[in-house]
Amino acid sequence: MSTINSFSLQDKVVLLTGAAGLFGRGLAAALAEAGATLVIASRNADKLRSVAAEETARGHRVFAESFDQGDEASILALKTRIEERFDVLHGLVNNSVLRPMKGAGGSVAQWEESLRVNATGVMLMHRHFGEAMAAAGSGSIVNIGSIQGMIGPSYELYEGTNMGDMPPDYFFHKGGMLNLTRFYAALYGPRGVRVNCLAPGGFFNHQPEPFLKRYCEHTMLNRMADDSDLGGAVVFLLSEASRYITGVNLPVDGGYTAK
């Protein structure tokens, strides 16, 4: 296989969760363009059907599925539907996230709901889909983490912006995702499945100007990410171009955590 062809996802079936959100829409476009037969799944079926229709109109193979990452039965049902339709899954991108807590004073019920989806649910995705890949002898899992799983909060960025408080659950489960990645990389590696994590930095979403100015000054590239900045790294980690890479955390943050 040539070097350039090793980056292709042609003939690979890939599941992307949370494909209609801030990160997910750009990821869906990139994976579809790279040639994947793409299954997109989340609780919001209407939004996913719109994404699938848009990508299908561009000549890509994209299929929408509904599931609840906080419900093991729903995860297993999704797995069964994918296997019945495509026989085998080659790649999984864990991008779904629930954000019930809005700040440090969030309720215990919100914390528990967050961990049900973002911790237990992510573990179950690895357990069920990863085991199926391992049984087939190959596969790649990419977890969409965050630099907030690597560093503490930077409260000074938010001063005078009315953007709200930072929630502890997000820092907790994104930090845990790093070591969960290493755990499953070790567990599944001998059976041909690679598991890696991507840690995006701040994503431009029309934040207040004071925040944008401070944040950009924290990066080496002097800007926030946009919807074209994450896809290339995810395609790389899913493809044969990264076939000897597993158990790593790749910051995609414009140099924020290196500064």
Protein backbone atom coordinates (compact mmCIF):
# COMPACT_ATOMS: atom_id res chain seq x y z
CA MET A 1 0.00 0.00 0.00
CA SER A 2 1.31 3.45 -0.93
CA THR A 3 1.74 6.05 1.78
CA ILE A 4 -1.04 8.28 0.48
CA ASN A 5 -3.45 5.36 0.17
CA SER A 6 -2.75 4.31 3.74
CA PHE A 7 -4.67 7.40 4.91
CA SER A 8 -7.84 6.31 3.09
CA LEU A 9 -10.87 4.90 4.95
CA GLN A 10 -12.23 3.30 1.81
CA ASP A 11 -13.95 -0.04 2.52
CA LYS A 12 -13.97 0.67 6.27
CA VAL A 13 -17.18 0.81 8.30
CA VAL A 14 -16.87 3.48 11.00
CA LEU A 15 -19.26 4.40 13.81
CA LEU A 16 -19.22 8.03 14.95
CA THR A 17 -21.29 8.96 17.98
CA GLY A 18 -22.56 12.49 18.53
CA ALA A 19 -22.28 13.46 14.87
CA ALA A 20 -24.50 16.54 14.87
CA GLY A 21 -22.83 18.58 17.59
CA LEU A 22 -20.03 21.12 17.72
CA PHE A 23 -17.23 18.63 17.01
CA GLY A 24 -19.33 15.93 15.39
CA ARG A 25 -20.54 17.65 12.24
CA GLY A 26 -17.02 18.40 11.05
CA LEU A 27 -15.88 14.90 11.96
CA ALA A 28 -18.75 13.36 10.00
CA ALA A 29 -17.79 15.37 6.92
CA ALA A 30 -14.11 14.41 7.20
CA LEU A 31 -14.73 10.69 7.74
CA ALA A 32 -17.21 10.52 4.88
CA GLU A 33 -14.84 12.38 2.55
CA ALA A 34 -12.04 9.97 3.51
CA GLY A 35 -14.15 7.14 2.08
CA ALA A 36 -15.63 5.54 5.17
CA THR A 37 -19.01 3.89 5.18
CA LEU A 38 -20.13 5.99 8.10
CA VAL A 39 -22.72 5.19 10.74
CA ILE A 40 -23.64 8.22 12.84
CA ALA A 41 -25.49 7.68 16.09
CA SER A 42 -26.92 9.74 18.94
CA ARG A 43 -30.20 10.36 20.76
CA ASN A 44 -31.23 13.11 18.31
CA ALA A 45 -32.34 11.09 15.29
CA ASP A 46 -33.82 14.07 13.41
CA LYS A 47 -30.53 15.99 13.37
CA LEU A 48 -28.64 12.88 12.35
CA ARG A 49 -30.97 12.20 9.44
CA SER A 50 -30.28 15.74 8.21
CA VAL A 51 -26.51 15.16 8.44
CA ALA A 52 -26.83 11.83 6.62
CA ALA A 53 -28.92 13.42 3.87
CA GLU A 54 -26.40 16.23 3.38
CA GLU A 55 -23.47 13.83 3.12
CA THR A 56 -25.38 11.38 0.90
CA ALA A 57 -26.11 14.27 -1.48
CA ARG A 58 -22.32 14.74 -1.75
CA GLY A 59 -21.95 11.12 -2.85
CA HIS A 60 -20.93 9.66 0.50
CA ARG A 61 -22.26 6.60 2.35
CA VAL A 62 -23.66 7.86 5.65
CA PHE A 63 -26.36 6.16 7.72
CA ALA A 64 -28.14 7.58 10.77
CA GLU A 65 -28.96 5.51 13.85
CA SER A 66 -30.57 6.43 17.16
CA PHE A 67 -29.15 5.22 20.48
CA ASP A 68 -28.68 6.23 24.10
CA GLN A 69 -25.10 5.92 25.34
CA GLY A 70 -26.35 5.85 28.91
CA ASP A 71 -28.33 2.65 28.32
CA GLU A 72 -26.46 -0.64 27.84
CA ALA A 73 -29.43 -2.25 26.10
CA SER A 74 -29.47 0.60 23.58
CA ILE A 75 -25.74 0.18 22.94
CA LEU A 76 -26.17 -3.54 22.35
CA ALA A 77 -29.13 -2.95 20.04
CA LEU A 78 -27.05 -0.51 17.97
CA LYS A 79 -24.25 -3.07 17.78
CA THR A 80 -26.68 -5.71 16.53
CA ARG A 81 -28.11 -3.41 13.85
CA ILE A 82 -24.64 -2.51 12.59
CA GLU A 83 -23.56 -6.15 12.45
CA GLU A 84 -26.74 -7.18 10.64
CA ARG A 85 -26.29 -4.46 8.04
CA PHE A 86 -22.51 -4.34 7.57
CA ASP A 87 -21.25 -7.55 9.19
CA VAL A 88 -18.13 -5.96 10.68
CA LEU A 89 -17.11 -2.63 12.22
CA HIS A 90 -13.61 -1.33 11.51
CA GLY A 91 -13.58 1.92 13.46
CA LEU A 92 -15.29 3.65 16.37
CA VAL A 93 -15.12 7.34 17.28
CA ASN A 94 -16.45 8.01 20.79
CA ASN A 95 -17.57 11.62 20.49
CA SER A 96 -20.91 11.69 22.32
CA VAL A 97 -20.97 13.72 25.50
CA LEU A 98 -23.72 14.83 27.89
CA ARG A 99 -23.31 18.16 29.72
CA PRO A 100 -25.90 18.23 32.55
CA MET A 101 -23.69 20.14 35.01
CA LYS A 102 -23.34 23.85 34.37
CA GLY A 103 -20.92 24.74 37.14
CA ALA A 104 -19.18 23.79 40.36
CA GLY A 105 -22.46 24.02 42.27
CA GLY A 106 -24.29 21.49 40.12
CA SER A 107 -26.38 18.86 41.85
CA VAL A 108 -25.32 15.34 42.75
CA ALA A 109 -28.04 14.07 40.44
CA GLN A 110 -26.45 15.98 37.53
CA TRP A 111 -23.03 14.56 38.43
CA GLU A 112 -24.40 11.02 38.48
CA GLU A 113 -26.24 11.49 35.19
CA SER A 114 -23.05 12.80 33.60
CA LEU A 115 -21.01 9.81 34.73
CA ARG A 116 -23.72 7.36 33.63
CA VAL A 117 -23.32 8.57 30.04
CA ASN A 118 -19.77 9.94 29.89
CA ALA A 119 -17.97 7.35 32.04
CA THR A 120 -20.03 4.16 32.25
CA GLY A 121 -21.39 4.64 28.75
CA VAL A 122 -17.94 5.17 27.22
CA MET A 123 -16.64 2.09 29.04
CA LEU A 124 -19.53 0.04 27.60
CA MET A 125 -18.78 1.29 24.09
CA HIS A 126 -15.25 -0.05 24.48
CA ARG A 127 -16.44 -3.29 26.04
CA HIS A 128 -19.01 -4.21 23.41
CA PHE A 129 -17.70 -2.68 20.19
CA GLY A 130 -14.04 -3.16 21.08
CA GLU A 131 -14.58 -6.82 21.88
CA ALA A 132 -16.33 -7.33 18.54
CA MET A 133 -13.37 -5.73 16.72
CA ALA A 134 -10.93 -7.86 18.72
CA ALA A 135 -12.87 -10.99 17.78
CA ALA A 136 -12.50 -9.96 14.12
CA GLY A 137 -8.76 -9.36 14.62
CA SER A 138 -8.50 -5.66 13.81
CA GLY A 139 -9.96 -2.23 14.41
CA SER A 140 -9.31 1.27 15.67
CA ILE A 141 -11.04 3.24 18.43
CA VAL A 142 -10.58 7.00 18.74
CA ASN A 143 -11.82 8.73 21.87
CA ILE A 144 -12.60 12.43 21.65
CA GLY A 145 -11.28 13.81 24.93
CA SER A 146 -10.31 17.36 25.81
CA ILE A 147 -7.36 19.36 27.03
CA GLN A 148 -9.54 19.82 30.12
CA GLY A 149 -8.70 16.22 30.91
CA MET A 150 -5.01 17.18 30.99
CA ILE A 151 -4.98 20.53 32.80
CA GLY A 152 -6.88 22.42 35.45
CA PRO A 153 -9.40 25.18 34.73
CA SER A 154 -8.21 28.60 33.63
CA TYR A 155 -10.71 30.85 35.38
CA GLU A 156 -8.95 34.01 34.26
CA LEU A 157 -10.12 33.41 30.68
CA TYR A 158 -13.74 33.87 31.72
CA GLU A 159 -13.49 37.04 33.82
CA GLY A 160 -16.09 39.61 32.84
CA THR A 161 -17.70 37.44 30.16
CA ASN A 162 -20.87 36.06 31.80
CA MET A 163 -20.05 32.69 30.22
CA GLY A 164 -20.90 30.80 33.39
CA ASP A 165 -18.95 28.48 35.63
CA MET A 166 -16.91 25.41 34.71
CA PRO A 167 -18.36 22.02 35.75
CA PRO A 168 -16.22 19.44 37.60
CA ASP A 169 -17.78 16.42 35.89
CA TYR A 170 -16.29 17.35 32.50
CA PHE A 171 -12.77 17.55 33.92
CA PHE A 172 -13.31 14.27 35.75
CA HIS A 173 -14.55 12.13 32.89
CA LYS A 174 -12.23 13.63 30.26
CA GLY A 175 -9.28 12.95 32.57
CA GLY A 176 -10.53 9.42 33.12
CA MET A 177 -10.86 8.93 29.38
CA LEU A 178 -7.08 9.24 29.02
CA ASN A 179 -6.37 6.25 31.23
CA LEU A 180 -9.37 4.33 29.91
CA THR A 181 -7.76 4.71 26.49
CA ARG A 182 -4.52 3.22 27.80
CA PHE A 183 -6.38 0.40 29.53
CA TYR A 184 -8.20 -0.74 26.41
CA ALA A 185 -5.14 -0.21 24.22
CA ALA A 186 -3.34 -2.71 26.45
CA LEU A 187 -6.31 -5.09 26.60
CA TYR A 188 -7.12 -5.17 22.89
CA GLY A 189 -3.70 -4.49 21.37
CA PRO A 190 -2.61 -8.17 21.24
CA ARG A 191 -5.81 -8.89 19.29
CA GLY A 192 -5.20 -6.23 16.65
CA VAL A 193 -7.28 -3.33 17.95
CA ARG A 194 -5.73 0.09 18.51
CA VAL A 195 -7.18 2.63 20.96
CA ASN A 196 -6.12 6.28 21.00
CA CYS A 197 -7.39 9.58 22.37
CA LEU A 198 -7.66 13.02 20.79
CA ALA A 199 -7.59 16.05 23.10
CA PRO A 200 -9.09 19.08 21.34
CA GLY A 201 -8.52 22.56 22.65
CA GLY A 202 -11.00 25.42 22.54
CA PHE A 203 -13.42 25.43 19.62
CA PHE A 204 -14.66 28.71 18.12
CA ASN A 205 -18.36 29.15 18.83
CA HIS A 206 -18.85 32.94 18.77
CA GLN A 207 -17.63 33.38 22.34
CA PRO A 208 -17.39 36.89 23.84
CA GLU A 209 -14.48 38.94 22.53
CA PRO A 210 -12.63 39.18 25.88
CA PHE A 211 -12.58 35.39 26.14
CA LEU A 212 -11.49 34.94 22.52
CA LYS A 213 -8.62 37.40 22.91
CA ARG A 214 -7.33 35.77 26.10
CA TYR A 215 -7.74 32.25 24.82
CA CYS A 216 -5.95 32.91 21.53
CA GLU A 217 -3.06 34.48 23.41
CA HIS A 218 -2.70 31.18 25.30
CA THR A 219 -2.13 29.24 22.06
CA MET A 220 0.96 29.17 19.87
CA LEU A 221 -1.11 29.55 16.69
CA ASN A 222 -3.08 32.48 18.12
CA ARG A 223 -6.52 31.11 17.29
CA MET A 224 -9.19 28.65 18.36
CA ALA A 225 -10.03 25.47 16.47
CA ASP A 226 -12.70 25.37 13.79
CA ASP A 227 -14.70 22.53 12.24
CA SER A 228 -11.90 21.58 9.84
CA ASP A 229 -9.16 21.14 12.47
CA LEU A 230 -10.05 17.80 14.09
CA GLY A 231 -11.00 15.58 11.17
CA GLY A 232 -7.54 15.03 9.76
CA ALA A 233 -6.19 13.73 13.05
CA VAL A 234 -9.14 11.38 13.52
CA VAL A 235 -8.86 10.05 9.96
CA PHE A 236 -5.15 9.44 10.59
CA LEU A 237 -5.79 7.51 13.81
CA LEU A 238 -8.48 5.38 12.17
CA SER A 239 -6.43 4.64 9.08
CA GLU A 240 -3.60 2.24 8.28
CA ALA A 241 -1.24 5.23 8.28
CA SER A 242 -1.21 4.99 12.10
CA ARG A 243 -1.13 1.19 12.35
CA TYR A 244 1.74 1.20 14.89
CA ILE A 245 0.22 3.89 17.12
CA THR A 246 -1.86 2.92 20.13
CA GLY A 247 -2.42 4.12 23.69
CA VAL A 248 -1.54 7.74 22.89
CA ASN A 249 -3.21 11.04 23.67
CA LEU A 250 -2.86 13.57 20.84
CA PRO A 251 -3.54 17.21 21.77
CA VAL A 252 -5.08 19.15 18.90
CA ASP A 253 -5.00 22.52 20.62
CA GLY A 254 -2.85 24.96 18.66
CA GLY A 255 -0.09 24.51 21.22
CA TYR A 256 -2.18 25.50 24.24
CA THR A 257 -0.92 22.71 26.51
CA ALA A 258 2.67 23.03 25.25
CA LYS A 259 3.03 26.73 26.03
